[in-house]
Amino acid sequence: MKLYDNRQAPNPRRVRIFLAEKGLAIETVQVDLVAREQKSEAFRRKNPLGSIPVLELDDGICIAESVAICRYLEELHPEPALFGRSALGRARVEMWNRRVELGLLGPVGQVWVHGSPLTARLLTQIPAAAELNRGVVARFLAWLDRELADREFLAGEAFSVADITALCTLDFATGLVKITVDPALANLARWHAGVSARPSSRA
């Protein structure tokens, strides 16, 4: 297997952290997003949408999308369980992962697309969309801070793929996207410090 990756993008990092939590090591191939390698004809044969990450299996079959890749890996290597252990646990992990994807990752992506000088040459930006979504991100993080008041991890007592999604999104937001997090969000800060201290976070 090989993973088509980019060291700065948040979605491939989700898979790298997942692999690290599982104790798995696979070959990675760096895709130059600035040079638009992911949009090349050769790469589109692996993923017609021209996006990363992509997991290419030994027989040439390719799986795109972070969660799909992680689910495949979970089936092959069920321990430690990162999608939950019971019907309720799996539902809670799915619920929280979707909440983070829709409520945080999507809006952060809009700030990136419409507000970053790094994307300005690739498309026609709408600055108002960036500002609107900065507010969406701020409100979601304030809500998330309240939700984290009584537990260590998003979906309950165990670290899960939902925490991976939130960590990668928040780090991308405060890094390349230049979104500032309210320092008063103490529960969010505690959660972030805890998951960032895991060795897998450096994958």
N, C-alpha and C. Protein backbone atom coordinates (compact mmCIF):
# COMPACT_ATOMS: atom_id res chain seq x y z
N MET A 1 0.84 -1.20 0.00
CA MET A 1 0.00 0.00 0.00
C MET A 1 0.88 1.25 0.00
N LYS A 2 0.32 2.33 -0.55
CA LYS A 2 1.00 3.61 -0.45
C LYS A 2 -0.05 4.70 -0.29
N LEU A 3 0.32 5.72 0.48
CA LEU A 3 -0.57 6.85 0.75
C LEU A 3 -0.09 8.07 0.01
N TYR A 4 -0.93 8.65 -0.83
CA TYR A 4 -0.62 9.91 -1.49
C TYR A 4 -0.99 11.02 -0.52
N ASP A 5 0.01 11.81 -0.18
CA ASP A 5 0.02 12.63 1.03
C ASP A 5 0.51 14.04 0.70
N ASN A 6 0.27 14.96 1.63
CA ASN A 6 0.90 16.27 1.60
C ASN A 6 1.09 16.69 3.05
N ARG A 7 2.28 17.12 3.42
CA ARG A 7 2.61 17.35 4.82
C ARG A 7 1.88 18.54 5.44
N GLN A 8 1.35 19.46 4.62
CA GLN A 8 0.70 20.65 5.18
C GLN A 8 -0.82 20.56 5.19
N ALA A 9 -1.39 19.68 4.40
CA ALA A 9 -2.85 19.60 4.27
C ALA A 9 -3.46 18.84 5.45
N PRO A 10 -4.62 19.27 5.94
CA PRO A 10 -5.20 18.64 7.12
C PRO A 10 -5.76 17.24 6.88
N ASN A 11 -6.34 16.98 5.72
CA ASN A 11 -6.97 15.67 5.51
C ASN A 11 -5.98 14.53 5.44
N PRO A 12 -4.87 14.64 4.71
CA PRO A 12 -3.88 13.56 4.79
C PRO A 12 -3.33 13.36 6.20
N ARG A 13 -3.21 14.44 6.96
CA ARG A 13 -2.71 14.30 8.32
C ARG A 13 -3.66 13.44 9.17
N ARG A 14 -4.94 13.52 8.90
CA ARG A 14 -5.90 12.67 9.61
C ARG A 14 -5.52 11.20 9.44
N VAL A 15 -5.18 10.82 8.23
CA VAL A 15 -4.82 9.43 7.96
C VAL A 15 -3.48 9.09 8.61
N ARG A 16 -2.52 10.01 8.55
CA ARG A 16 -1.22 9.73 9.17
C ARG A 16 -1.35 9.52 10.67
N ILE A 17 -2.16 10.34 11.34
CA ILE A 17 -2.37 10.16 12.77
C ILE A 17 -3.07 8.83 13.04
N PHE A 18 -4.06 8.50 12.23
CA PHE A 18 -4.77 7.24 12.38
C PHE A 18 -3.80 6.07 12.27
N LEU A 19 -2.93 6.11 11.26
CA LEU A 19 -1.92 5.06 11.08
C LEU A 19 -1.01 4.97 12.30
N ALA A 20 -0.59 6.13 12.82
CA ALA A 20 0.30 6.15 13.97
C ALA A 20 -0.38 5.56 15.20
N GLU A 21 -1.66 5.87 15.40
CA GLU A 21 -2.39 5.29 16.54
C GLU A 21 -2.48 3.77 16.41
N LYS A 22 -2.56 3.29 15.18
CA LYS A 22 -2.63 1.84 14.94
C LYS A 22 -1.25 1.18 14.98
N GLY A 23 -0.20 1.99 14.98
CA GLY A 23 1.14 1.43 14.93
C GLY A 23 1.51 0.89 13.56
N LEU A 24 0.92 1.47 12.50
CA LEU A 24 1.15 1.01 11.14
C LEU A 24 2.07 1.98 10.40
N ALA A 25 2.92 1.43 9.58
CA ALA A 25 3.80 2.25 8.74
C ALA A 25 3.62 1.82 7.29
N ILE A 26 3.27 2.76 6.42
CA ILE A 26 3.14 2.45 5.00
C ILE A 26 3.90 3.52 4.20
N GLU A 27 4.20 3.19 2.98
CA GLU A 27 4.90 4.13 2.10
C GLU A 27 4.02 5.35 1.83
N THR A 28 4.63 6.54 1.83
CA THR A 28 3.91 7.75 1.46
C THR A 28 4.55 8.38 0.24
N VAL A 29 3.71 8.99 -0.57
CA VAL A 29 4.15 9.71 -1.76
C VAL A 29 3.67 11.14 -1.61
N GLN A 30 4.59 12.11 -1.57
CA GLN A 30 4.23 13.50 -1.40
C GLN A 30 3.68 14.08 -2.71
N VAL A 31 2.53 14.72 -2.62
CA VAL A 31 1.88 15.34 -3.78
C VAL A 31 2.01 16.84 -3.63
N ASP A 32 2.60 17.49 -4.61
CA ASP A 32 2.83 18.94 -4.60
C ASP A 32 1.54 19.66 -4.99
N LEU A 33 0.83 20.18 -3.98
CA LEU A 33 -0.45 20.84 -4.23
C LEU A 33 -0.27 22.18 -4.93
N VAL A 34 0.82 22.89 -4.62
CA VAL A 34 1.08 24.18 -5.25
C VAL A 34 1.31 24.00 -6.75
N ALA A 35 2.00 22.94 -7.11
CA ALA A 35 2.25 22.64 -8.52
C ALA A 35 1.05 21.96 -9.19
N ARG A 36 -0.01 21.72 -8.40
CA ARG A 36 -1.26 21.13 -8.90
C ARG A 36 -1.06 19.69 -9.40
N GLU A 37 -0.15 18.96 -8.79
CA GLU A 37 0.07 17.57 -9.19
C GLU A 37 -1.20 16.73 -9.03
N GLN A 38 -2.03 17.09 -8.03
CA GLN A 38 -3.24 16.32 -7.77
C GLN A 38 -4.27 16.48 -8.89
N LYS A 39 -4.08 17.47 -9.75
CA LYS A 39 -5.00 17.71 -10.86
C LYS A 39 -4.49 17.14 -12.18
N SER A 40 -3.34 16.49 -12.14
CA SER A 40 -2.76 15.94 -13.37
C SER A 40 -3.60 14.76 -13.87
N GLU A 41 -3.46 14.47 -15.15
CA GLU A 41 -4.19 13.36 -15.74
C GLU A 41 -3.82 12.04 -15.07
N ALA A 42 -2.53 11.88 -14.77
CA ALA A 42 -2.08 10.65 -14.13
C ALA A 42 -2.70 10.48 -12.75
N PHE A 43 -2.75 11.57 -11.97
CA PHE A 43 -3.31 11.46 -10.62
C PHE A 43 -4.83 11.26 -10.68
N ARG A 44 -5.49 11.90 -11.63
CA ARG A 44 -6.95 11.74 -11.74
C ARG A 44 -7.36 10.31 -12.09
N ARG A 45 -6.43 9.52 -12.59
CA ARG A 45 -6.74 8.10 -12.79
C ARG A 45 -6.82 7.38 -11.44
N LYS A 46 -6.19 7.94 -10.42
CA LYS A 46 -6.28 7.38 -9.07
C LYS A 46 -7.50 7.95 -8.34
N ASN A 47 -7.77 9.23 -8.53
CA ASN A 47 -8.92 9.89 -7.92
C ASN A 47 -9.45 10.93 -8.90
N PRO A 48 -10.57 10.66 -9.56
CA PRO A 48 -11.10 11.58 -10.57
C PRO A 48 -11.37 12.99 -10.04
N LEU A 49 -11.57 13.12 -8.74
CA LEU A 49 -11.81 14.45 -8.17
C LEU A 49 -10.53 15.24 -7.99
N GLY A 50 -9.38 14.60 -8.14
CA GLY A 50 -8.11 15.30 -8.04
C GLY A 50 -7.85 15.88 -6.66
N SER A 51 -8.10 15.08 -5.62
CA SER A 51 -7.87 15.53 -4.25
C SER A 51 -7.12 14.44 -3.49
N ILE A 52 -6.53 14.84 -2.38
CA ILE A 52 -5.82 13.90 -1.51
C ILE A 52 -6.47 13.92 -0.13
N PRO A 53 -6.25 12.85 0.65
CA PRO A 53 -5.38 11.70 0.44
C PRO A 53 -6.01 10.63 -0.45
N VAL A 54 -5.14 9.77 -0.96
CA VAL A 54 -5.56 8.57 -1.69
C VAL A 54 -4.71 7.42 -1.18
N LEU A 55 -5.36 6.32 -0.86
CA LEU A 55 -4.65 5.10 -0.47
C LEU A 55 -4.70 4.15 -1.67
N GLU A 56 -3.52 3.82 -2.19
CA GLU A 56 -3.43 2.89 -3.31
C GLU A 56 -3.05 1.52 -2.77
N LEU A 57 -3.87 0.52 -3.04
CA LEU A 57 -3.62 -0.83 -2.56
C LEU A 57 -2.63 -1.53 -3.49
N ASP A 58 -2.14 -2.67 -3.04
CA ASP A 58 -1.11 -3.39 -3.80
C ASP A 58 -1.61 -3.84 -5.16
N ASP A 59 -2.92 -4.02 -5.31
CA ASP A 59 -3.47 -4.44 -6.60
C ASP A 59 -3.85 -3.26 -7.49
N GLY A 60 -3.54 -2.03 -7.04
CA GLY A 60 -3.82 -0.85 -7.84
C GLY A 60 -5.15 -0.18 -7.54
N ILE A 61 -6.01 -0.81 -6.76
CA ILE A 61 -7.28 -0.18 -6.38
C ILE A 61 -6.98 1.01 -5.47
N CYS A 62 -7.69 2.11 -5.71
CA CYS A 62 -7.46 3.34 -4.94
C CYS A 62 -8.69 3.71 -4.13
N ILE A 63 -8.46 4.11 -2.89
CA ILE A 63 -9.51 4.58 -2.00
C ILE A 63 -9.21 6.04 -1.67
N ALA A 64 -10.17 6.92 -1.94
CA ALA A 64 -10.03 8.33 -1.61
C ALA A 64 -10.92 8.66 -0.42
N GLU A 65 -10.71 9.85 0.14
CA GLU A 65 -11.45 10.40 1.28
C GLU A 65 -10.91 9.84 2.60
N SER A 66 -10.58 10.74 3.49
CA SER A 66 -9.91 10.39 4.75
C SER A 66 -10.64 9.34 5.56
N VAL A 67 -11.93 9.55 5.78
CA VAL A 67 -12.67 8.63 6.65
C VAL A 67 -12.83 7.27 5.99
N ALA A 68 -13.02 7.24 4.67
CA ALA A 68 -13.11 5.96 3.97
C ALA A 68 -11.81 5.18 4.12
N ILE A 69 -10.69 5.87 3.98
CA ILE A 69 -9.39 5.22 4.16
C ILE A 69 -9.25 4.69 5.58
N CYS A 70 -9.62 5.51 6.55
CA CYS A 70 -9.50 5.09 7.96
C CYS A 70 -10.42 3.93 8.27
N ARG A 71 -11.62 3.92 7.72
CA ARG A 71 -12.53 2.79 7.95
C ARG A 71 -11.94 1.50 7.37
N TYR A 72 -11.35 1.59 6.20
CA TYR A 72 -10.71 0.41 5.60
C TYR A 72 -9.61 -0.11 6.51
N LEU A 73 -8.77 0.79 6.99
CA LEU A 73 -7.68 0.39 7.88
C LEU A 73 -8.20 -0.18 9.19
N GLU A 74 -9.30 0.36 9.69
CA GLU A 74 -9.89 -0.15 10.93
C GLU A 74 -10.38 -1.59 10.75
N GLU A 75 -10.93 -1.89 9.57
CA GLU A 75 -11.38 -3.25 9.30
C GLU A 75 -10.21 -4.22 9.30
N LEU A 76 -9.09 -3.79 8.74
CA LEU A 76 -7.91 -4.66 8.69
C LEU A 76 -7.20 -4.77 10.04
N HIS A 77 -7.23 -3.68 10.80
CA HIS A 77 -6.50 -3.60 12.07
C HIS A 77 -7.45 -3.00 13.13
N PRO A 78 -8.32 -3.81 13.72
CA PRO A 78 -9.36 -3.28 14.60
C PRO A 78 -8.90 -2.71 15.93
N GLU A 79 -7.67 -2.99 16.33
CA GLU A 79 -7.17 -2.49 17.62
C GLU A 79 -6.02 -1.50 17.42
N PRO A 80 -6.01 -0.41 18.19
CA PRO A 80 -7.08 0.06 19.06
C PRO A 80 -8.27 0.56 18.25
N ALA A 81 -9.46 0.38 18.77
CA ALA A 81 -10.68 0.78 18.07
C ALA A 81 -10.80 2.30 18.07
N LEU A 82 -10.82 2.90 16.90
CA LEU A 82 -10.91 4.36 16.79
C LEU A 82 -12.24 4.83 16.23
N PHE A 83 -13.14 3.88 15.94
CA PHE A 83 -14.49 4.21 15.49
C PHE A 83 -15.55 3.76 16.49
N GLY A 84 -15.11 3.41 17.71
CA GLY A 84 -16.05 2.96 18.73
C GLY A 84 -16.10 1.45 18.82
N ARG A 85 -16.52 0.94 19.98
CA ARG A 85 -16.52 -0.51 20.21
C ARG A 85 -17.92 -1.12 20.21
N SER A 86 -18.93 -0.36 20.49
CA SER A 86 -20.30 -0.87 20.54
C SER A 86 -21.15 -0.11 19.53
N ALA A 87 -22.40 -0.53 19.37
CA ALA A 87 -23.31 0.18 18.48
C ALA A 87 -23.43 1.64 18.90
N LEU A 88 -23.60 1.86 20.20
CA LEU A 88 -23.72 3.23 20.70
C LEU A 88 -22.41 3.98 20.53
N GLY A 89 -21.29 3.32 20.84
CA GLY A 89 -20.00 3.96 20.71
C GLY A 89 -19.71 4.37 19.27
N ARG A 90 -20.01 3.48 18.32
CA ARG A 90 -19.78 3.80 16.92
C ARG A 90 -20.68 4.94 16.46
N ALA A 91 -21.91 4.96 16.95
CA ALA A 91 -22.83 6.05 16.58
C ALA A 91 -22.33 7.38 17.14
N ARG A 92 -21.84 7.38 18.37
CA ARG A 92 -21.35 8.62 18.96
C ARG A 92 -20.12 9.14 18.23
N VAL A 93 -19.21 8.24 17.87
CA VAL A 93 -18.03 8.67 17.12
C VAL A 93 -18.44 9.25 15.77
N GLU A 94 -19.36 8.57 15.08
CA GLU A 94 -19.83 9.07 13.79
C GLU A 94 -20.49 10.44 13.94
N MET A 95 -21.33 10.59 14.98
CA MET A 95 -22.00 11.85 15.24
C MET A 95 -21.00 12.98 15.43
N TRP A 96 -19.99 12.74 16.26
CA TRP A 96 -19.02 13.79 16.54
C TRP A 96 -18.10 14.07 15.37
N ASN A 97 -17.76 13.03 14.65
CA ASN A 97 -16.91 13.27 13.47
C ASN A 97 -17.65 14.12 12.45
N ARG A 98 -18.92 13.82 12.23
CA ARG A 98 -19.72 14.62 11.28
C ARG A 98 -19.92 16.04 11.79
N ARG A 99 -20.15 16.19 13.09
CA ARG A 99 -20.30 17.54 13.64
C ARG A 99 -19.06 18.38 13.38
N VAL A 100 -17.89 17.79 13.58
CA VAL A 100 -16.64 18.53 13.36
C VAL A 100 -16.43 18.81 11.88
N GLU A 101 -16.70 17.82 11.04
CA GLU A 101 -16.53 18.04 9.60
C GLU A 101 -17.44 19.15 9.09
N LEU A 102 -18.70 19.11 9.48
CA LEU A 102 -19.67 20.08 8.97
C LEU A 102 -19.57 21.43 9.68
N GLY A 103 -19.35 21.40 11.00
CA GLY A 103 -19.37 22.64 11.76
C GLY A 103 -18.05 23.37 11.85
N LEU A 104 -16.94 22.66 11.60
CA LEU A 104 -15.63 23.28 11.75
C LEU A 104 -14.77 23.15 10.49
N LEU A 105 -14.59 21.93 10.00
CA LEU A 105 -13.71 21.73 8.85
C LEU A 105 -14.22 22.47 7.62
N GLY A 106 -15.51 22.38 7.36
CA GLY A 106 -16.09 23.09 6.21
C GLY A 106 -15.91 24.60 6.29
N PRO A 107 -16.32 25.22 7.39
CA PRO A 107 -16.13 26.67 7.52
C PRO A 107 -14.66 27.10 7.51
N VAL A 108 -13.78 26.34 8.15
CA VAL A 108 -12.35 26.68 8.09
C VAL A 108 -11.87 26.64 6.64
N GLY A 109 -12.34 25.65 5.90
CA GLY A 109 -11.99 25.56 4.49
C GLY A 109 -12.43 26.77 3.70
N GLN A 110 -13.60 27.31 4.04
CA GLN A 110 -14.09 28.51 3.34
C GLN A 110 -13.25 29.74 3.69
N VAL A 111 -12.81 29.84 4.92
CA VAL A 111 -11.91 30.95 5.29
C VAL A 111 -10.60 30.83 4.51
N TRP A 112 -10.10 29.60 4.40
CA TRP A 112 -8.87 29.33 3.66
C TRP A 112 -9.03 29.71 2.18
N VAL A 113 -10.10 29.23 1.58
CA VAL A 113 -10.31 29.46 0.14
C VAL A 113 -10.51 30.93 -0.17
N HIS A 114 -11.31 31.62 0.65
CA HIS A 114 -11.70 32.99 0.32
C HIS A 114 -10.90 34.05 1.06
N GLY A 115 -10.01 33.63 1.98
CA GLY A 115 -9.30 34.64 2.75
C GLY A 115 -7.79 34.54 2.74
N SER A 116 -7.25 33.48 2.16
CA SER A 116 -5.80 33.32 2.20
C SER A 116 -5.13 33.85 0.93
N PRO A 117 -4.02 34.58 1.08
CA PRO A 117 -3.28 35.02 -0.12
C PRO A 117 -2.70 33.84 -0.90
N LEU A 118 -2.57 32.68 -0.25
CA LEU A 118 -2.02 31.51 -0.92
C LEU A 118 -3.00 30.90 -1.93
N THR A 119 -4.29 31.16 -1.74
CA THR A 119 -5.29 30.62 -2.67
C THR A 119 -5.81 31.67 -3.65
N ALA A 120 -5.40 32.92 -3.46
CA ALA A 120 -5.94 34.02 -4.27
C ALA A 120 -5.67 33.84 -5.76
N ARG A 121 -4.53 33.26 -6.10
CA ARG A 121 -4.20 33.13 -7.52
C ARG A 121 -4.89 31.94 -8.18
N LEU A 122 -5.57 31.12 -7.38
CA LEU A 122 -6.21 29.92 -7.91
C LEU A 122 -7.68 30.11 -8.24
N LEU A 123 -8.30 31.15 -7.66
CA LEU A 123 -9.74 31.34 -7.86
C LEU A 123 -10.13 32.78 -7.56
N THR A 124 -11.37 33.11 -7.86
CA THR A 124 -11.90 34.43 -7.51
C THR A 124 -12.43 34.37 -6.08
N GLN A 125 -11.76 35.08 -5.19
CA GLN A 125 -12.15 35.03 -3.78
C GLN A 125 -13.33 35.95 -3.49
N ILE A 126 -14.10 35.57 -2.47
CA ILE A 126 -15.20 36.39 -1.97
C ILE A 126 -14.87 36.71 -0.51
N PRO A 127 -14.23 37.85 -0.24
CA PRO A 127 -13.79 38.15 1.12
C PRO A 127 -14.91 38.08 2.16
N ALA A 128 -16.14 38.44 1.76
CA ALA A 128 -17.26 38.39 2.72
C ALA A 128 -17.52 36.95 3.17
N ALA A 129 -17.28 36.00 2.29
CA ALA A 129 -17.48 34.60 2.67
C ALA A 129 -16.46 34.19 3.72
N ALA A 130 -15.23 34.68 3.59
CA ALA A 130 -14.21 34.38 4.59
C ALA A 130 -14.60 34.95 5.95
N GLU A 131 -15.05 36.19 5.98
CA GLU A 131 -15.43 36.81 7.25
C GLU A 131 -16.65 36.15 7.86
N LEU A 132 -17.63 35.80 7.04
CA LEU A 132 -18.81 35.11 7.54
C LEU A 132 -18.42 33.81 8.22
N ASN A 133 -17.54 33.06 7.58
CA ASN A 133 -17.16 31.76 8.13
C ASN A 133 -16.23 31.87 9.32
N ARG A 134 -15.49 32.98 9.45
CA ARG A 134 -14.73 33.19 10.69
C ARG A 134 -15.68 33.23 11.88
N GLY A 135 -16.83 33.87 11.70
CA GLY A 135 -17.82 33.91 12.76
C GLY A 135 -18.42 32.55 13.04
N VAL A 136 -18.66 31.77 11.99
CA VAL A 136 -19.17 30.40 12.16
C VAL A 136 -18.18 29.56 12.97
N VAL A 137 -16.90 29.68 12.64
CA VAL A 137 -15.86 28.93 13.35
C VAL A 137 -15.82 29.34 14.83
N ALA A 138 -15.86 30.63 15.09
CA ALA A 138 -15.80 31.12 16.47
C ALA A 138 -16.97 30.59 17.30
N ARG A 139 -18.16 30.60 16.71
CA ARG A 139 -19.34 30.11 17.44
C ARG A 139 -19.26 28.60 17.67
N PHE A 140 -18.78 27.87 16.69
CA PHE A 140 -18.66 26.42 16.86
C PHE A 140 -17.65 26.09 17.95
N LEU A 141 -16.52 26.79 17.97
CA LEU A 141 -15.50 26.52 18.99
C LEU A 141 -16.02 26.85 20.38
N ALA A 142 -16.82 27.90 20.50
CA ALA A 142 -17.39 28.24 21.81
C ALA A 142 -18.35 27.14 22.26
N TRP A 143 -19.14 26.62 21.35
CA TRP A 143 -20.04 25.51 21.67
C TRP A 143 -19.24 24.26 22.03
N LEU A 144 -18.19 23.98 21.26
CA LEU A 144 -17.36 22.81 21.53
C LEU A 144 -16.71 22.91 22.91
N ASP A 145 -16.30 24.10 23.29
CA ASP A 145 -15.72 24.31 24.61
C ASP A 145 -16.70 23.92 25.71
N ARG A 146 -17.95 24.29 25.53
CA ARG A 146 -18.97 23.92 26.52
C ARG A 146 -19.19 22.41 26.55
N GLU A 147 -19.19 21.79 25.39
CA GLU A 147 -19.40 20.34 25.32
C GLU A 147 -18.26 19.57 25.99
N LEU A 148 -17.06 20.11 25.95
CA LEU A 148 -15.90 19.42 26.50
C LEU A 148 -15.73 19.64 28.01
N ALA A 149 -16.66 20.30 28.63
CA ALA A 149 -16.53 20.63 30.05
C ALA A 149 -16.49 19.38 30.93
N ASP A 150 -17.14 18.30 30.48
CA ASP A 150 -17.27 17.14 31.37
C ASP A 150 -16.65 15.86 30.83
N ARG A 151 -15.78 15.97 29.81
CA ARG A 151 -15.15 14.75 29.30
C ARG A 151 -13.81 15.06 28.66
N GLU A 152 -12.99 14.02 28.57
CA GLU A 152 -11.63 14.18 28.06
C GLU A 152 -11.59 14.21 26.54
N PHE A 153 -12.46 13.41 25.89
CA PHE A 153 -12.46 13.30 24.44
C PHE A 153 -13.83 13.64 23.88
N LEU A 154 -13.89 13.90 22.58
CA LEU A 154 -15.14 14.37 21.98
C LEU A 154 -16.28 13.37 22.14
N ALA A 155 -16.01 12.10 21.79
CA ALA A 155 -17.10 11.12 21.74
C ALA A 155 -17.24 10.32 23.02
N GLY A 156 -16.57 10.73 24.07
CA GLY A 156 -16.69 10.00 25.33
C GLY A 156 -15.36 9.82 26.02
N GLU A 157 -15.12 8.62 26.54
CA GLU A 157 -13.93 8.37 27.34
C GLU A 157 -12.71 7.94 26.53
N ALA A 158 -12.91 7.60 25.25
CA ALA A 158 -11.80 7.08 24.45
C ALA A 158 -11.47 8.01 23.29
N PHE A 159 -10.19 8.12 23.00
CA PHE A 159 -9.72 8.85 21.83
C PHE A 159 -10.27 8.18 20.57
N SER A 160 -10.71 8.98 19.60
CA SER A 160 -11.33 8.41 18.40
C SER A 160 -11.00 9.24 17.17
N VAL A 161 -11.49 8.76 16.04
CA VAL A 161 -11.29 9.48 14.78
C VAL A 161 -11.90 10.88 14.85
N ALA A 162 -12.90 11.09 15.68
CA ALA A 162 -13.49 12.43 15.83
C ALA A 162 -12.47 13.40 16.43
N ASP A 163 -11.68 12.93 17.39
CA ASP A 163 -10.63 13.77 17.96
C ASP A 163 -9.55 14.06 16.92
N ILE A 164 -9.25 13.07 16.08
CA ILE A 164 -8.26 13.27 15.02
C ILE A 164 -8.73 14.36 14.07
N THR A 165 -9.99 14.29 13.65
CA THR A 165 -10.53 15.30 12.74
C THR A 165 -10.48 16.68 13.36
N ALA A 166 -10.88 16.78 14.62
CA ALA A 166 -10.89 18.08 15.29
C ALA A 166 -9.48 18.64 15.47
N LEU A 167 -8.54 17.78 15.85
CA LEU A 167 -7.17 18.23 16.04
C LEU A 167 -6.59 18.76 14.74
N CYS A 168 -6.72 18.00 13.67
CA CYS A 168 -6.15 18.41 12.38
C CYS A 168 -6.80 19.70 11.88
N THR A 169 -8.10 19.82 12.09
CA THR A 169 -8.81 21.02 11.64
C THR A 169 -8.38 22.24 12.44
N LEU A 170 -8.30 22.09 13.75
CA LEU A 170 -7.94 23.23 14.59
C LEU A 170 -6.50 23.67 14.33
N ASP A 171 -5.60 22.72 14.17
CA ASP A 171 -4.20 23.08 13.88
C ASP A 171 -4.07 23.76 12.52
N PHE A 172 -4.82 23.28 11.53
CA PHE A 172 -4.84 23.93 10.21
C PHE A 172 -5.40 25.34 10.32
N ALA A 173 -6.47 25.50 11.11
CA ALA A 173 -7.11 26.81 11.28
C ALA A 173 -6.16 27.82 11.91
N THR A 174 -5.47 27.41 12.96
CA THR A 174 -4.59 28.35 13.67
C THR A 174 -3.23 28.50 13.00
N GLY A 175 -2.91 27.57 12.10
CA GLY A 175 -1.64 27.63 11.38
C GLY A 175 -1.77 28.37 10.06
N LEU A 176 -1.95 27.65 8.99
CA LEU A 176 -1.99 28.25 7.66
C LEU A 176 -3.14 29.23 7.47
N VAL A 177 -4.29 28.96 8.10
CA VAL A 177 -5.47 29.81 7.87
C VAL A 177 -5.45 31.06 8.74
N LYS A 178 -4.63 31.09 9.79
CA LYS A 178 -4.45 32.27 10.65
C LYS A 178 -5.72 32.66 11.40
N ILE A 179 -6.48 31.66 11.85
CA ILE A 179 -7.65 31.92 12.68
C ILE A 179 -7.21 31.93 14.14
N THR A 180 -7.64 32.94 14.87
CA THR A 180 -7.28 33.07 16.29
C THR A 180 -8.37 32.45 17.16
N VAL A 181 -7.96 31.62 18.11
CA VAL A 181 -8.91 30.99 19.03
C VAL A 181 -8.98 31.80 20.32
N ASP A 182 -10.17 32.04 20.79
CA ASP A 182 -10.39 32.79 22.03
C ASP A 182 -9.68 32.07 23.19
N PRO A 183 -8.73 32.72 23.86
CA PRO A 183 -8.00 32.07 24.95
C PRO A 183 -8.88 31.74 26.15
N ALA A 184 -10.08 32.29 26.20
CA ALA A 184 -10.98 31.99 27.31
C ALA A 184 -11.60 30.60 27.20
N LEU A 185 -11.43 29.94 26.07
CA LEU A 185 -12.02 28.61 25.87
C LEU A 185 -11.12 27.57 26.54
N ALA A 186 -11.21 27.50 27.85
CA ALA A 186 -10.29 26.68 28.65
C ALA A 186 -10.47 25.18 28.42
N ASN A 187 -11.71 24.74 28.26
CA ASN A 187 -11.94 23.31 28.04
C ASN A 187 -11.38 22.87 26.69
N LEU A 188 -11.57 23.71 25.69
CA LEU A 188 -11.01 23.42 24.37
C LEU A 188 -9.49 23.38 24.44
N ALA A 189 -8.89 24.32 25.16
CA ALA A 189 -7.43 24.36 25.30
C ALA A 189 -6.91 23.11 26.01
N ARG A 190 -7.63 22.67 27.06
CA ARG A 190 -7.23 21.45 27.77
C ARG A 190 -7.29 20.24 26.85
N TRP A 191 -8.41 20.11 26.11
CA TRP A 191 -8.54 19.00 25.17
C TRP A 191 -7.42 19.05 24.13
N HIS A 192 -7.16 20.23 23.57
CA HIS A 192 -6.15 20.35 22.52
C HIS A 192 -4.77 19.98 23.05
N ALA A 193 -4.45 20.42 24.26
CA ALA A 193 -3.15 20.08 24.85
C ALA A 193 -3.03 18.57 25.04
N GLY A 194 -4.11 17.94 25.46
CA GLY A 194 -4.09 16.50 25.71
C GLY A 194 -3.90 15.70 24.44
N VAL A 195 -4.65 16.00 23.41
CA VAL A 195 -4.53 15.21 22.17
C VAL A 195 -3.23 15.57 21.44
N SER A 196 -2.75 16.79 21.59
CA SER A 196 -1.48 17.18 20.96
C SER A 196 -0.30 16.50 21.61
N ALA A 197 -0.46 16.08 22.87
CA ALA A 197 0.63 15.40 23.58
C ALA A 197 0.78 13.95 23.18
N ARG A 198 -0.19 13.40 22.47
CA ARG A 198 -0.10 12.02 22.02
C ARG A 198 0.99 11.92 20.95
N PRO A 199 1.82 10.89 21.00
CA PRO A 199 2.90 10.76 20.00
C PRO A 199 2.38 10.77 18.56
N SER A 200 1.15 10.27 18.35
CA SER A 200 0.61 10.22 16.99
C SER A 200 0.39 11.59 16.39
N SER A 201 0.24 12.61 17.22
CA SER A 201 -0.04 13.96 16.70
C SER A 201 1.12 14.51 15.88
N ARG A 202 2.30 13.94 16.07
CA ARG A 202 3.47 14.39 15.32
C ARG A 202 3.68 13.60 14.03
N ALA A 203 2.73 12.72 13.72
CA ALA A 203 2.87 11.90 12.50
C ALA A 203 2.80 12.77 11.25
